[in-house]
Amino acid sequence: MRRPEAREEALKRLYEADQRGCEPYTGDLSRRAADVVEGVWAEREELDAAIAGVSRRWRVERMPPVDRNVIRIALWELRHHARTPVPVVISEAVRMAKAYSTERSGGFVNGVVAKLAEQQVAAGE
């Protein structure tokens, strides 16, 4: 499975777990998607803390659930898949937000993920 499809699989499963308040089931996912889901779920408190640090007007728990999970996936990928170019991570996050969330989500996700990416790059130097 290609990475964009794996991201979408992961988003759907994380959204479901987020809404139900339970651990996501990964047994029927592709290996790539399962890795993302398991990684994001295990680190979601750390990811949310980082997201809260750059999102001044929106508390993480008040963000639209799709946006929240798209941003979590992007940040997790920035932290764990350094070989994936930052513009690709941002572009994919914006694409998923536009496809699955609100009319304004693309711009919002772009701004938050871009700030997170700047922090990751600065931390890596």
PDB file of N, CA and C in Angstrom:
ATOM      1  N   MET A   1       0.843  -1.182   0.000  1.00  0.00           N
ATOM      2  CA  MET A   1       0.000   0.000   0.000  1.00  0.00           C
ATOM      3  C   MET A   1       0.887   1.245   0.000  1.00  0.00           C
ATOM      4  N   ARG A   2       0.494   2.202  -0.804  1.00  0.00           N
ATOM      5  CA  ARG A   2       1.247   3.455  -0.877  1.00  0.00           C
ATOM      6  C   ARG A   2       0.996   4.288   0.375  1.00  0.00           C
ATOM      7  N   ARG A   3       1.928   5.178   0.641  1.00  0.00           N
ATOM      8  CA  ARG A   3       1.865   6.008   1.852  1.00  0.00           C
ATOM      9  C   ARG A   3       0.596   6.872   1.929  1.00  0.00           C
ATOM     10  N   PRO A   4       0.143   7.529   0.851  1.00  0.00           N
ATOM     11  CA  PRO A   4      -1.089   8.334   0.977  1.00  0.00           C
ATOM     12  C   PRO A   4      -2.303   7.509   1.398  1.00  0.00           C
ATOM     13  N   GLU A   5      -2.435   6.310   0.846  1.00  0.00           N
ATOM     14  CA  GLU A   5      -3.563   5.456   1.232  1.00  0.00           C
ATOM     15  C   GLU A   5      -3.419   4.990   2.682  1.00  0.00           C
ATOM     16  N   ALA A   6      -2.195   4.723   3.104  1.00  0.00           N
ATOM     17  CA  ALA A   6      -1.957   4.309   4.492  1.00  0.00           C
ATOM     18  C   ALA A   6      -2.324   5.444   5.452  1.00  0.00           C
ATOM     19  N   ARG A   7      -1.989   6.672   5.079  1.00  0.00           N
ATOM     20  CA  ARG A   7      -2.350   7.822   5.918  1.00  0.00           C
ATOM     21  C   ARG A   7      -3.865   7.924   6.060  1.00  0.00           C
ATOM     22  N   GLU A   8      -4.567   7.725   4.958  1.00  0.00           N
ATOM     23  CA  GLU A   8      -6.030   7.813   5.005  1.00  0.00           C
ATOM     24  C   GLU A   8      -6.620   6.696   5.852  1.00  0.00           C
ATOM     25  N   GLU A   9      -6.107   5.494   5.712  1.00  0.00           N
ATOM     26  CA  GLU A   9      -6.547   4.382   6.564  1.00  0.00           C
ATOM     27  C   GLU A   9      -6.325   4.728   8.029  1.00  0.00           C
ATOM     28  N   ALA A  10      -5.141   5.245   8.320  1.00  0.00           N
ATOM     29  CA  ALA A  10      -4.796   5.606   9.695  1.00  0.00           C
ATOM     30  C   ALA A  10      -5.732   6.699  10.212  1.00  0.00           C
ATOM     31  N   LEU A  11      -5.996   7.711   9.392  1.00  0.00           N
ATOM     32  CA  LEU A  11      -6.884   8.788   9.807  1.00  0.00           C
ATOM     33  C   LEU A  11      -8.260   8.250  10.180  1.00  0.00           C
ATOM     34  N   LYS A  12      -8.795   7.402   9.352  1.00  0.00           N
ATOM     35  CA  LYS A  12     -10.128   6.859   9.624  1.00  0.00           C
ATOM     36  C   LYS A  12     -10.157   6.082  10.934  1.00  0.00           C
ATOM     37  N   ARG A  13      -9.137   5.285  11.177  1.00  0.00           N
ATOM     38  CA  ARG A  13      -9.102   4.479  12.399  1.00  0.00           C
ATOM     39  C   ARG A  13      -8.864   5.343  13.633  1.00  0.00           C
ATOM     40  N   LEU A  14      -8.003   6.357  13.518  1.00  0.00           N
ATOM     41  CA  LEU A  14      -7.758   7.251  14.653  1.00  0.00           C
ATOM     42  C   LEU A  14      -8.985   8.108  14.958  1.00  0.00           C
ATOM     43  N   TYR A  15      -9.662   8.547  13.921  1.00  0.00           N
ATOM     44  CA  TYR A  15     -10.894   9.312  14.111  1.00  0.00           C
ATOM     45  C   TYR A  15     -11.918   8.464  14.873  1.00  0.00           C
ATOM     46  N   GLU A  16     -12.079   7.237  14.447  1.00  0.00           N
ATOM     47  CA  GLU A  16     -13.029   6.333  15.098  1.00  0.00           C
ATOM     48  C   GLU A  16     -12.672   6.126  16.564  1.00  0.00           C
ATOM     49  N   ALA A  17     -11.414   5.867  16.855  1.00  0.00           N
ATOM     50  CA  ALA A  17     -10.978   5.659  18.238  1.00  0.00           C
ATOM     51  C   ALA A  17     -11.155   6.926  19.062  1.00  0.00           C
ATOM     52  N   ASP A  18     -10.848   8.059  18.461  1.00  0.00           N
ATOM     53  CA  ASP A  18     -10.999   9.350  19.131  1.00  0.00           C
ATOM     54  C   ASP A  18     -12.457   9.573  19.508  1.00  0.00           C
ATOM     55  N   GLN A  19     -13.360   9.294  18.609  1.00  0.00           N
ATOM     56  CA  GLN A  19     -14.785   9.514  18.861  1.00  0.00           C
ATOM     57  C   GLN A  19     -15.352   8.531  19.884  1.00  0.00           C
ATOM     58  N   ARG A  20     -14.866   7.322  19.848  1.00  0.00           N
ATOM     59  CA  ARG A  20     -15.362   6.302  20.780  1.00  0.00           C
ATOM     60  C   ARG A  20     -14.640   6.317  22.120  1.00  0.00           C
ATOM     61  N   GLY A  21     -13.495   6.960  22.161  1.00  0.00           N
ATOM     62  CA  GLY A  21     -12.724   7.004  23.398  1.00  0.00           C
ATOM     63  C   GLY A  21     -12.124   5.666  23.778  1.00  0.00           C
ATOM     64  N   CYS A  22     -11.754   4.898  22.760  1.00  0.00           N
ATOM     65  CA  CYS A  22     -11.168   3.587  23.024  1.00  0.00           C
ATOM     66  C   CYS A  22      -9.957   3.365  22.128  1.00  0.00           C
ATOM     67  N   GLU A  23      -9.150   2.403  22.501  1.00  0.00           N
ATOM     68  CA  GLU A  23      -7.952   2.100  21.732  1.00  0.00           C
ATOM     69  C   GLU A  23      -8.327   1.620  20.330  1.00  0.00           C
ATOM     70  N   PRO A  24      -7.598   2.065  19.316  1.00  0.00           N
ATOM     71  CA  PRO A  24      -7.926   1.657  17.948  1.00  0.00           C
ATOM     72  C   PRO A  24      -7.520   0.216  17.662  1.00  0.00           C
ATOM     73  N   TYR A  25      -8.339  -0.446  16.878  1.00  0.00           N
ATOM     74  CA  TYR A  25      -8.038  -1.800  16.422  1.00  0.00           C
ATOM     75  C   TYR A  25      -7.220  -1.690  15.142  1.00  0.00           C
ATOM     76  N   THR A  26      -6.109  -2.408  15.080  1.00  0.00           N
ATOM     77  CA  THR A  26      -5.234  -2.307  13.911  1.00  0.00           C
ATOM     78  C   THR A  26      -5.061  -3.629  13.177  1.00  0.00           C
ATOM     79  N   GLY A  27      -5.719  -4.674  13.629  1.00  0.00           N
ATOM     80  CA  GLY A  27      -5.517  -5.997  13.059  1.00  0.00           C
ATOM     81  C   GLY A  27      -5.845  -6.132  11.587  1.00  0.00           C
ATOM     82  N   ASP A  28      -6.737  -5.316  11.072  1.00  0.00           N
ATOM     83  CA  ASP A  28      -7.135  -5.418   9.668  1.00  0.00           C
ATOM     84  C   ASP A  28      -6.515  -4.329   8.790  1.00  0.00           C
ATOM     85  N   LEU A  29      -5.587  -3.557   9.335  1.00  0.00           N
ATOM     86  CA  LEU A  29      -4.951  -2.480   8.579  1.00  0.00           C
ATOM     87  C   LEU A  29      -3.679  -2.961   7.895  1.00  0.00           C
ATOM     88  N   SER A  30      -3.274  -2.227   6.879  1.00  0.00           N
ATOM     89  CA  SER A  30      -1.979  -2.499   6.263  1.00  0.00           C
ATOM     90  C   SER A  30      -0.893  -2.227   7.305  1.00  0.00           C
ATOM     91  N   ARG A  31       0.275  -2.783   7.095  1.00  0.00           N
ATOM     92  CA  ARG A  31       1.372  -2.583   8.051  1.00  0.00           C
ATOM     93  C   ARG A  31       1.716  -1.106   8.208  1.00  0.00           C
ATOM     94  N   ARG A  32       1.771  -0.376   7.104  1.00  0.00           N
ATOM     95  CA  ARG A  32       2.064   1.060   7.176  1.00  0.00           C
ATOM     96  C   ARG A  32       1.023   1.801   7.995  1.00  0.00           C
ATOM     97  N   ALA A  33      -0.236   1.561   7.713  1.00  0.00           N
ATOM     98  CA  ALA A  33      -1.307   2.251   8.436  1.00  0.00           C
ATOM     99  C   ALA A  33      -1.293   1.864   9.907  1.00  0.00           C
ATOM    100  N   ALA A  34      -1.085   0.591  10.187  1.00  0.00           N
ATOM    101  CA  ALA A  34      -1.045   0.137  11.583  1.00  0.00           C
ATOM    102  C   ALA A  34       0.104   0.801  12.333  1.00  0.00           C
ATOM    103  N   ASP A  35       1.259   0.947  11.705  1.00  0.00           N
ATOM    104  CA  ASP A  35       2.394   1.618  12.342  1.00  0.00           C
ATOM    105  C   ASP A  35       2.030   3.055  12.716  1.00  0.00           C
ATOM    106  N   VAL A  36       1.375   3.751  11.801  1.00  0.00           N
ATOM    107  CA  VAL A  36       0.979   5.134  12.067  1.00  0.00           C
ATOM    108  C   VAL A  36      -0.030   5.184  13.215  1.00  0.00           C
ATOM    109  N   VAL A  37      -1.052   4.353  13.141  1.00  0.00           N
ATOM    110  CA  VAL A  37      -2.091   4.348  14.178  1.00  0.00           C
ATOM    111  C   VAL A  37      -1.486   4.032  15.543  1.00  0.00           C
ATOM    112  N   GLU A  38      -0.700   2.986  15.607  1.00  0.00           N
ATOM    113  CA  GLU A  38      -0.106   2.589  16.889  1.00  0.00           C
ATOM    114  C   GLU A  38       0.829   3.670  17.421  1.00  0.00           C
ATOM    115  N   GLY A  39       1.633   4.261  16.533  1.00  0.00           N
ATOM    116  CA  GLY A  39       2.552   5.308  16.957  1.00  0.00           C
ATOM    117  C   GLY A  39       1.839   6.552  17.447  1.00  0.00           C
ATOM    118  N   VAL A  40       0.867   7.009  16.680  1.00  0.00           N
ATOM    119  CA  VAL A  40       0.116   8.211  17.057  1.00  0.00           C
ATOM    120  C   VAL A  40      -0.641   7.966  18.357  1.00  0.00           C
ATOM    121  N   TRP A  41      -1.283   6.830  18.471  1.00  0.00           N
ATOM    122  CA  TRP A  41      -2.079   6.546  19.664  1.00  0.00           C
ATOM    123  C   TRP A  41      -1.196   6.502  20.909  1.00  0.00           C
ATOM    124  N   ALA A  42      -0.037   5.872  20.793  1.00  0.00           N
ATOM    125  CA  ALA A  42       0.874   5.754  21.935  1.00  0.00           C
ATOM    126  C   ALA A  42       1.442   7.109  22.355  1.00  0.00           C
ATOM    127  N   GLU A  43       1.594   8.020  21.407  1.00  0.00           N
ATOM    128  CA  GLU A  43       2.230   9.310  21.685  1.00  0.00           C
ATOM    129  C   GLU A  43       1.258  10.482  21.691  1.00  0.00           C
ATOM    130  N   ARG A  44      -0.026  10.220  21.676  1.00  0.00           N
ATOM    131  CA  ARG A  44      -0.983  11.307  21.473  1.00  0.00           C
ATOM    132  C   ARG A  44      -0.902  12.397  22.533  1.00  0.00           C
ATOM    133  N   GLU A  45      -0.569  12.080  23.770  1.00  0.00           N
ATOM    134  CA  GLU A  45      -0.447  13.136  24.783  1.00  0.00           C
ATOM    135  C   GLU A  45       0.720  14.067  24.463  1.00  0.00           C
ATOM    136  N   GLU A  46       1.855  13.492  24.071  1.00  0.00           N
ATOM    137  CA  GLU A  46       3.015  14.307  23.675  1.00  0.00           C
ATOM    138  C   GLU A  46       2.707  15.112  22.416  1.00  0.00           C
ATOM    139  N   LEU A  47       2.067  14.463  21.456  1.00  0.00           N
ATOM    140  CA  LEU A  47       1.709  15.153  20.215  1.00  0.00           C
ATOM    141  C   LEU A  47       0.757  16.310  20.505  1.00  0.00           C
ATOM    142  N   ASP A  48      -0.251  16.049  21.342  1.00  0.00           N
ATOM    143  CA  ASP A  48      -1.221  17.093  21.672  1.00  0.00           C
ATOM    144  C   ASP A  48      -0.570  18.265  22.405  1.00  0.00           C
ATOM    145  N   ALA A  49       0.401  17.976  23.257  1.00  0.00           N
ATOM    146  CA  ALA A  49       1.104  19.047  23.963  1.00  0.00           C
ATOM    147  C   ALA A  49       1.858  19.928  22.963  1.00  0.00           C
ATOM    148  N   ALA A  50       2.500  19.312  21.995  1.00  0.00           N
ATOM    149  CA  ALA A  50       3.221  20.073  20.975  1.00  0.00           C
ATOM    150  C   ALA A  50       2.249  20.882  20.118  1.00  0.00           C
ATOM    151  N   ILE A  51       1.133  20.272  19.759  1.00  0.00           N
ATOM    152  CA  ILE A  51       0.119  20.967  18.954  1.00  0.00           C
ATOM    153  C   ILE A  51      -0.429  22.158  19.736  1.00  0.00           C
ATOM    154  N   ALA A  52      -0.712  21.960  21.006  1.00  0.00           N
ATOM    155  CA  ALA A  52      -1.227  23.053  21.845  1.00  0.00           C
ATOM    156  C   ALA A  52      -0.229  24.201  21.926  1.00  0.00           C
ATOM    157  N   GLY A  53       1.044  23.879  21.859  1.00  0.00           N
ATOM    158  CA  GLY A  53       2.067  24.912  21.931  1.00  0.00           C
ATOM    159  C   GLY A  53       2.117  25.840  20.734  1.00  0.00           C
ATOM    160  N   VAL A  54       1.601  25.403  19.599  1.00  0.00           N
ATOM    161  CA  VAL A  54       1.614  26.259  18.399  1.00  0.00           C
ATOM    162  C   VAL A  54       0.220  26.739  18.002  1.00  0.00           C
ATOM    163  N   SER A  55      -0.795  26.162  18.568  1.00  0.00           N
ATOM    164  CA  SER A  55      -2.167  26.533  18.223  1.00  0.00           C
ATOM    165  C   SER A  55      -2.714  27.459  19.305  1.00  0.00           C
ATOM    166  N   ARG A  56      -2.550  28.729  19.108  1.00  0.00           N
ATOM    167  CA  ARG A  56      -2.886  29.716  20.136  1.00  0.00           C
ATOM    168  C   ARG A  56      -4.398  29.893  20.333  1.00  0.00           C
ATOM    169  N   ARG A  57      -5.140  29.821  19.281  1.00  0.00           N
ATOM    170  CA  ARG A  57      -6.571  30.119  19.390  1.00  0.00           C
ATOM    171  C   ARG A  57      -7.447  28.892  19.598  1.00  0.00           C
ATOM    172  N   TRP A  58      -6.900  27.722  19.393  1.00  0.00           N
ATOM    173  CA  TRP A  58      -7.689  26.498  19.485  1.00  0.00           C
ATOM    174  C   TRP A  58      -7.044  25.527  20.460  1.00  0.00           C
ATOM    175  N   ARG A  59      -7.785  25.114  21.462  1.00  0.00           N
ATOM    176  CA  ARG A  59      -7.327  24.020  22.317  1.00  0.00           C
ATOM    177  C   ARG A  59      -7.488  22.739  21.517  1.00  0.00           C
ATOM    178  N   VAL A  60      -6.594  21.814  21.711  1.00  0.00           N
ATOM    179  CA  VAL A  60      -6.593  20.583  20.922  1.00  0.00           C
ATOM    180  C   VAL A  60      -7.929  19.854  21.043  1.00  0.00           C
ATOM    181  N   GLU A  61      -8.463  19.773  22.231  1.00  0.00           N
ATOM    182  CA  GLU A  61      -9.719  19.040  22.427  1.00  0.00           C
ATOM    183  C   GLU A  61     -10.913  19.736  21.779  1.00  0.00           C
ATOM    184  N   ARG A  62     -10.772  21.000  21.411  1.00  0.00           N
ATOM    185  CA  ARG A  62     -11.860  21.725  20.746  1.00  0.00           C
ATOM    186  C   ARG A  62     -11.727  21.749  19.236  1.00  0.00           C
ATOM    187  N   MET A  63     -10.616  21.279  18.727  1.00  0.00           N
ATOM    188  CA  MET A  63     -10.431  21.217  17.266  1.00  0.00           C
ATOM    189  C   MET A  63     -11.398  20.206  16.677  1.00  0.00           C
ATOM    190  N   PRO A  64     -11.804  20.405  15.435  1.00  0.00           N
ATOM    191  CA  PRO A  64     -12.585  19.356  14.783  1.00  0.00           C
ATOM    192  C   PRO A  64     -11.790  18.046  14.845  1.00  0.00           C
ATOM    193  N   PRO A  65     -12.444  16.937  15.168  1.00  0.00           N
ATOM    194  CA  PRO A  65     -11.727  15.671  15.363  1.00  0.00           C
ATOM    195  C   PRO A  65     -10.878  15.240  14.164  1.00  0.00           C
ATOM    196  N   VAL A  66     -11.352  15.495  12.975  1.00  0.00           N
ATOM    197  CA  VAL A  66     -10.547  15.121  11.804  1.00  0.00           C
ATOM    198  C   VAL A  66      -9.277  15.963  11.772  1.00  0.00           C
ATOM    199  N   ASP A  67      -9.410  17.266  11.984  1.00  0.00           N
ATOM    200  CA  ASP A  67      -8.233  18.138  11.981  1.00  0.00           C
ATOM    201  C   ASP A  67      -7.227  17.686  13.028  1.00  0.00           C
ATOM    202  N   ARG A  68      -7.707  17.436  14.212  1.00  0.00           N
ATOM    203  CA  ARG A  68      -6.849  17.002  15.317  1.00  0.00           C
ATOM    204  C   ARG A  68      -6.046  15.761  14.926  1.00  0.00           C
ATOM    205  N   ASN A  69      -6.706  14.805  14.319  1.00  0.00           N
ATOM    206  CA  ASN A  69      -6.021  13.567  13.960  1.00  0.00           C
ATOM    207  C   ASN A  69      -5.126  13.715  12.740  1.00  0.00           C
ATOM    208  N   VAL A  70      -5.505  14.554  11.808  1.00  0.00           N
ATOM    209  CA  VAL A  70      -4.623  14.843  10.666  1.00  0.00           C
ATOM    210  C   VAL A  70      -3.328  15.472  11.171  1.00  0.00           C
ATOM    211  N   ILE A  71      -3.453  16.428  12.079  1.00  0.00           N
ATOM    212  CA  ILE A  71      -2.273  17.106  12.620  1.00  0.00           C
ATOM    213  C   ILE A  71      -1.425  16.130  13.434  1.00  0.00           C
ATOM    214  N   ARG A  72      -2.051  15.280  14.215  1.00  0.00           N
ATOM    215  CA  ARG A  72      -1.297  14.268  14.973  1.00  0.00           C
ATOM    216  C   ARG A  72      -0.490  13.375  14.029  1.00  0.00           C
ATOM    217  N   ILE A  73      -1.128  12.920  12.967  1.00  0.00           N
ATOM    218  CA  ILE A  73      -0.439  12.051  12.002  1.00  0.00           C
ATOM    219  C   ILE A  73       0.746  12.786  11.390  1.00  0.00           C
ATOM    220  N   ALA A  74       0.532  14.026  10.982  1.00  0.00           N
ATOM    221  CA  ALA A  74       1.611  14.794  10.354  1.00  0.00           C
ATOM    222  C   ALA A  74       2.778  14.987  11.319  1.00  0.00           C
ATOM    223  N   LEU A  75       2.487  15.358  12.550  1.00  0.00           N
ATOM    224  CA  LEU A  75       3.559  15.566  13.521  1.00  0.00           C
ATOM    225  C   LEU A  75       4.287  14.263  13.818  1.00  0.00           C
ATOM    226  N   TRP A  76       3.548  13.180  13.966  1.00  0.00           N
ATOM    227  CA  TRP A  76       4.178  11.885  14.207  1.00  0.00           C
ATOM    228  C   TRP A  76       5.112  11.527  13.049  1.00  0.00           C
ATOM    229  N   GLU A  77       4.634  11.783  11.846  1.00  0.00           N
ATOM    230  CA  GLU A  77       5.458  11.492  10.672  1.00  0.00           C
ATOM    231  C   GLU A  77       6.701  12.390  10.630  1.00  0.00           C
ATOM    232  N   LEU A  78       6.554  13.654  10.973  1.00  0.00           N
ATOM    233  CA  LEU A  78       7.712  14.552  11.018  1.00  0.00           C
ATOM    234  C   LEU A  78       8.749  14.040  12.020  1.00  0.00           C
ATOM    235  N   ARG A  79       8.287  13.484  13.120  1.00  0.00           N
ATOM    236  CA  ARG A  79       9.186  13.004  14.165  1.00  0.00           C
ATOM    237  C   ARG A  79       9.811  11.646  13.852  1.00  0.00           C
ATOM    238  N   HIS A  80       9.105  10.806  13.129  1.00  0.00           N
ATOM    239  CA  HIS A  80       9.554   9.419  12.968  1.00  0.00           C
ATOM    240  C   HIS A  80       9.935   9.014  11.552  1.00  0.00           C
ATOM    241  N   HIS A  81       9.652   9.851  10.584  1.00  0.00           N
ATOM    242  CA  HIS A  81       9.990   9.546   9.193  1.00  0.00           C
ATOM    243  C   HIS A  81      10.721  10.735   8.583  1.00  0.00           C
ATOM    244  N   ALA A  82      11.905  10.976   9.093  1.00  0.00           N
ATOM    245  CA  ALA A  82      12.683  12.146   8.671  1.00  0.00           C
ATOM    246  C   ALA A  82      12.994  12.136   7.178  1.00  0.00           C
ATOM    247  N   ARG A  83      12.954  10.959   6.559  1.00  0.00           N
ATOM    248  CA  ARG A  83      13.236  10.892   5.116  1.00  0.00           C
ATOM    249  C   ARG A  83      12.091  11.434   4.268  1.00  0.00           C
ATOM    250  N   THR A  84      10.911  11.522   4.840  1.00  0.00           N
ATOM    251  CA  THR A  84       9.786  12.103   4.102  1.00  0.00           C
ATOM    252  C   THR A  84       9.962  13.617   4.110  1.00  0.00           C
ATOM    253  N   PRO A  85      10.027  14.232   2.942  1.00  0.00           N
ATOM    254  CA  PRO A  85      10.231  15.683   2.888  1.00  0.00           C
ATOM    255  C   PRO A  85       9.118  16.448   3.607  1.00  0.00           C
ATOM    256  N   VAL A  86       9.493  17.477   4.331  1.00  0.00           N
ATOM    257  CA  VAL A  86       8.534  18.292   5.085  1.00  0.00           C
ATOM    258  C   VAL A  86       7.405  18.803   4.186  1.00  0.00           C
ATOM    259  N   PRO A  87       7.698  19.331   2.983  1.00  0.00           N
ATOM    260  CA  PRO A  87       6.591  19.798   2.135  1.00  0.00           C
ATOM    261  C   PRO A  87       5.583  18.689   1.791  1.00  0.00           C
ATOM    262  N   VAL A  88       6.049  17.465   1.689  1.00  0.00           N
ATOM    263  CA  VAL A  88       5.142  16.350   1.403  1.00  0.00           C
ATOM    264  C   VAL A  88       4.232  16.105   2.601  1.00  0.00           C
ATOM    265  N   VAL A  89       4.795  16.111   3.800  1.00  0.00           N
ATOM    266  CA  VAL A  89       3.995  15.909   5.010  1.00  0.00           C
ATOM    267  C   VAL A  89       2.929  16.993   5.108  1.00  0.00           C
ATOM    268  N   ILE A  90       3.320  18.231   4.905  1.00  0.00           N
ATOM    269  CA  ILE A  90       2.364  19.341   4.987  1.00  0.00           C
ATOM    270  C   ILE A  90       1.298  19.216   3.903  1.00  0.00           C
ATOM    271  N   SER A  91       1.711  18.952   2.690  1.00  0.00           N
ATOM    272  CA  SER A  91       0.773  18.824   1.573  1.00  0.00           C
ATOM    273  C   SER A  91      -0.243  17.710   1.806  1.00  0.00           C
ATOM    274  N   GLU A  92       0.225  16.581   2.282  1.00  0.00           N
ATOM    275  CA  GLU A  92      -0.680  15.456   2.545  1.00  0.00           C
ATOM    276  C   GLU A  92      -1.653  15.776   3.677  1.00  0.00           C
ATOM    277  N   ALA A  93      -1.181  16.461   4.700  1.00  0.00           N
ATOM    278  CA  ALA A  93      -2.068  16.840   5.801  1.00  0.00           C
ATOM    279  C   ALA A  93      -3.161  17.786   5.302  1.00  0.00           C
ATOM    280  N   VAL A  94      -2.775  18.753   4.493  1.00  0.00           N
ATOM    281  CA  VAL A  94      -3.746  19.704   3.947  1.00  0.00           C
ATOM    282  C   VAL A  94      -4.738  18.981   3.030  1.00  0.00           C
ATOM    283  N   ARG A  95      -4.230  18.078   2.201  1.00  0.00           N
ATOM    284  CA  ARG A  95      -5.104  17.325   1.297  1.00  0.00           C
ATOM    285  C   ARG A  95      -6.154  16.536   2.085  1.00  0.00           C
ATOM    286  N   MET A  96      -5.725  15.850   3.143  1.00  0.00           N
ATOM    287  CA  MET A  96      -6.684  15.063   3.936  1.00  0.00           C
ATOM    288  C   MET A  96      -7.675  15.965   4.662  1.00  0.00           C
ATOM    289  N   ALA A  97      -7.207  17.095   5.180  1.00  0.00           N
ATOM    290  CA  ALA A  97      -8.114  18.009   5.873  1.00  0.00           C
ATOM    291  C   ALA A  97      -9.177  18.544   4.914  1.00  0.00           C
ATOM    292  N   LYS A  98      -8.758  18.904   3.711  1.00  0.00           N
ATOM    293  CA  LYS A  98      -9.711  19.401   2.716  1.00  0.00           C
ATOM    294  C   LYS A  98     -10.708  18.318   2.303  1.00  0.00           C
ATOM    295  N   ALA A  99     -10.230  17.094   2.221  1.00  0.00           N
ATOM    296  CA  ALA A  99     -11.088  15.994   1.769  1.00  0.00           C
ATOM    297  C   ALA A  99     -12.075  15.535   2.837  1.00  0.00           C
ATOM    298  N   TYR A 100     -11.664  15.578   4.111  1.00  0.00           N
ATOM    299  CA  TYR A 100     -12.465  14.932   5.151  1.00  0.00           C
ATOM    300  C   TYR A 100     -13.002  15.864   6.230  1.00  0.00           C
ATOM    301  N   SER A 101     -12.653  17.139   6.199  1.00  0.00           N
ATOM    302  CA  SER A 101     -13.080  18.009   7.288  1.00  0.00           C
ATOM    303  C   SER A 101     -13.828  19.224   6.755  1.00  0.00           C
ATOM    304  N   THR A 102     -13.738  20.316   7.483  1.00  0.00           N
ATOM    305  CA  THR A 102     -14.531  21.504   7.162  1.00  0.00           C
ATOM    306  C   THR A 102     -13.918  22.319   6.025  1.00  0.00           C
ATOM    307  N   GLU A 103     -14.667  23.281   5.572  1.00  0.00           N
ATOM    308  CA  GLU A 103     -14.237  24.155   4.478  1.00  0.00           C
ATOM    309  C   GLU A 103     -12.948  24.911   4.812  1.00  0.00           C
ATOM    310  N   ARG A 104     -12.782  25.272   6.069  1.00  0.00           N
ATOM    311  CA  ARG A 104     -11.619  26.049   6.500  1.00  0.00           C
ATOM    312  C   ARG A 104     -10.459  25.195   7.006  1.00  0.00           C
ATOM    313  N   SER A 105     -10.643  23.917   7.055  1.00  0.00           N
ATOM    314  CA  SER A 105      -9.645  23.045   7.677  1.00  0.00           C
ATOM    315  C   SER A 105      -8.304  23.024   6.952  1.00  0.00           C
ATOM    316  N   GLY A 106      -8.313  23.118   5.648  1.00  0.00           N
ATOM    317  CA  GLY A 106      -7.058  23.083   4.896  1.00  0.00           C
ATOM    318  C   GLY A 106      -6.091  24.164   5.344  1.00  0.00           C
ATOM    319  N   GLY A 107      -6.575  25.385   5.445  1.00  0.00           N
ATOM    320  CA  GLY A 107      -5.730  26.495   5.872  1.00  0.00           C
ATOM    321  C   GLY A 107      -5.289  26.365   7.314  1.00  0.00           C
ATOM    322  N   PHE A 108      -6.211  25.950   8.167  1.00  0.00           N
ATOM    323  CA  PHE A 108      -5.887  25.768   9.584  1.00  0.00           C
ATOM    324  C   PHE A 108      -4.810  24.708   9.765  1.00  0.00           C
ATOM    325  N   VAL A 109      -5.009  23.557   9.145  1.00  0.00           N
ATOM    326  CA  VAL A 109      -4.043  22.459   9.253  1.00  0.00           C
ATOM    327  C   VAL A 109      -2.701  22.886   8.661  1.00  0.00           C
ATOM    328  N   ASN A 110      -2.726  23.580   7.543  1.00  0.00           N
ATOM    329  CA  ASN A 110      -1.492  24.059   6.940  1.00  0.00           C
ATOM    330  C   ASN A 110      -0.697  24.913   7.924  1.00  0.00           C
ATOM    331  N   GLY A 111      -1.364  25.862   8.564  1.00  0.00           N
ATOM    332  CA  GLY A 111      -0.680  26.748   9.498  1.00  0.00           C
ATOM    333  C   GLY A 111      -0.096  26.018  10.694  1.00  0.00           C
ATOM    334  N   VAL A 112      -0.870  25.122  11.281  1.00  0.00           N
ATOM    335  CA  VAL A 112      -0.403  24.401  12.470  1.00  0.00           C
ATOM    336  C   VAL A 112       0.740  23.458  12.111  1.00  0.00           C
ATOM    337  N   VAL A 113       0.574  22.675  11.055  1.00  0.00           N
ATOM    338  CA  VAL A 113       1.624  21.719  10.684  1.00  0.00           C
ATOM    339  C   VAL A 113       2.892  22.443  10.243  1.00  0.00           C
ATOM    340  N   ALA A 114       2.763  23.563   9.559  1.00  0.00           N
ATOM    341  CA  ALA A 114       3.949  24.329   9.158  1.00  0.00           C
ATOM    342  C   ALA A 114       4.727  24.807  10.382  1.00  0.00           C
ATOM    343  N   LYS A 115       4.023  25.285  11.410  1.00  0.00           N
ATOM    344  CA  LYS A 115       4.692  25.706  12.640  1.00  0.00           C
ATOM    345  C   LYS A 115       5.371  24.524  13.328  1.00  0.00           C
ATOM    346  N   LEU A 116       4.690  23.398  13.378  1.00  0.00           N
ATOM    347  CA  LEU A 116       5.274  22.197  13.989  1.00  0.00           C
ATOM    348  C   LEU A 116       6.507  21.748  13.217  1.00  0.00           C
ATOM    349  N   ALA A 117       6.432  21.832  11.899  1.00  0.00           N
ATOM    350  CA  ALA A 117       7.569  21.434  11.068  1.00  0.00           C
ATOM    351  C   ALA A 117       8.770  22.353  11.320  1.00  0.00           C
ATOM    352  N   GLU A 118       8.510  23.641  11.452  1.00  0.00           N
ATOM    353  CA  GLU A 118       9.601  24.587  11.768  1.00  0.00           C
ATOM    354  C   GLU A 118      10.276  24.206  13.073  1.00  0.00           C
ATOM    355  N   GLN A 119       9.480  23.858  14.066  1.00  0.00           N
ATOM    356  CA  GLN A 119      10.039  23.445  15.361  1.00  0.00           C
ATOM    357  C   GLN A 119      10.858  22.172  15.233  1.00  0.00           C
ATOM    358  N   GLN A 120      10.358  21.227  14.465  1.00  0.00           N
ATOM    359  CA  GLN A 120      11.090  19.954  14.265  1.00  0.00           C
ATOM    360  C   GLN A 120      12.409  20.187  13.577  1.00  0.00           C
ATOM    361  N   VAL A 121      12.404  21.032  12.556  1.00  0.00           N
ATOM    362  CA  VAL A 121      13.630  21.334  11.828  1.00  0.00           C
ATOM    363  C   VAL A 121      14.626  22.037  12.751  1.00  0.00           C
ATOM    364  N   ALA A 122      14.129  23.006  13.519  1.00  0.00           N
ATOM    365  CA  ALA A 122      15.003  23.729  14.448  1.00  0.00           C
ATOM    366  C   ALA A 122      15.573  22.793  15.517  1.00  0.00           C
ATOM    367  N   ALA A 123      14.778  21.857  15.993  1.00  0.00           N
ATOM    368  CA  ALA A 123      15.234  20.917  17.014  1.00  0.00           C
ATOM    369  C   ALA A 123      16.260  19.940  16.456  1.00  0.00           C
ATOM    370  N   GLY A 124      16.147  19.659  15.166  1.00  0.00           N
ATOM    371  CA  GLY A 124      17.063  18.706  14.527  1.00  0.00           C
ATOM    372  C   GLY A 124      18.404  19.293  14.179  1.00  0.00           C
ATOM    373  N   GLU A 125      18.510  20.601  14.184  1.00  0.00           N
ATOM    374  CA  GLU A 125      19.772  21.265  13.803  1.00  0.00           C
ATOM    375  C   GLU A 125      20.716  21.358  14.984  1.00  0.00           C
TER     376      GLU A 125
END
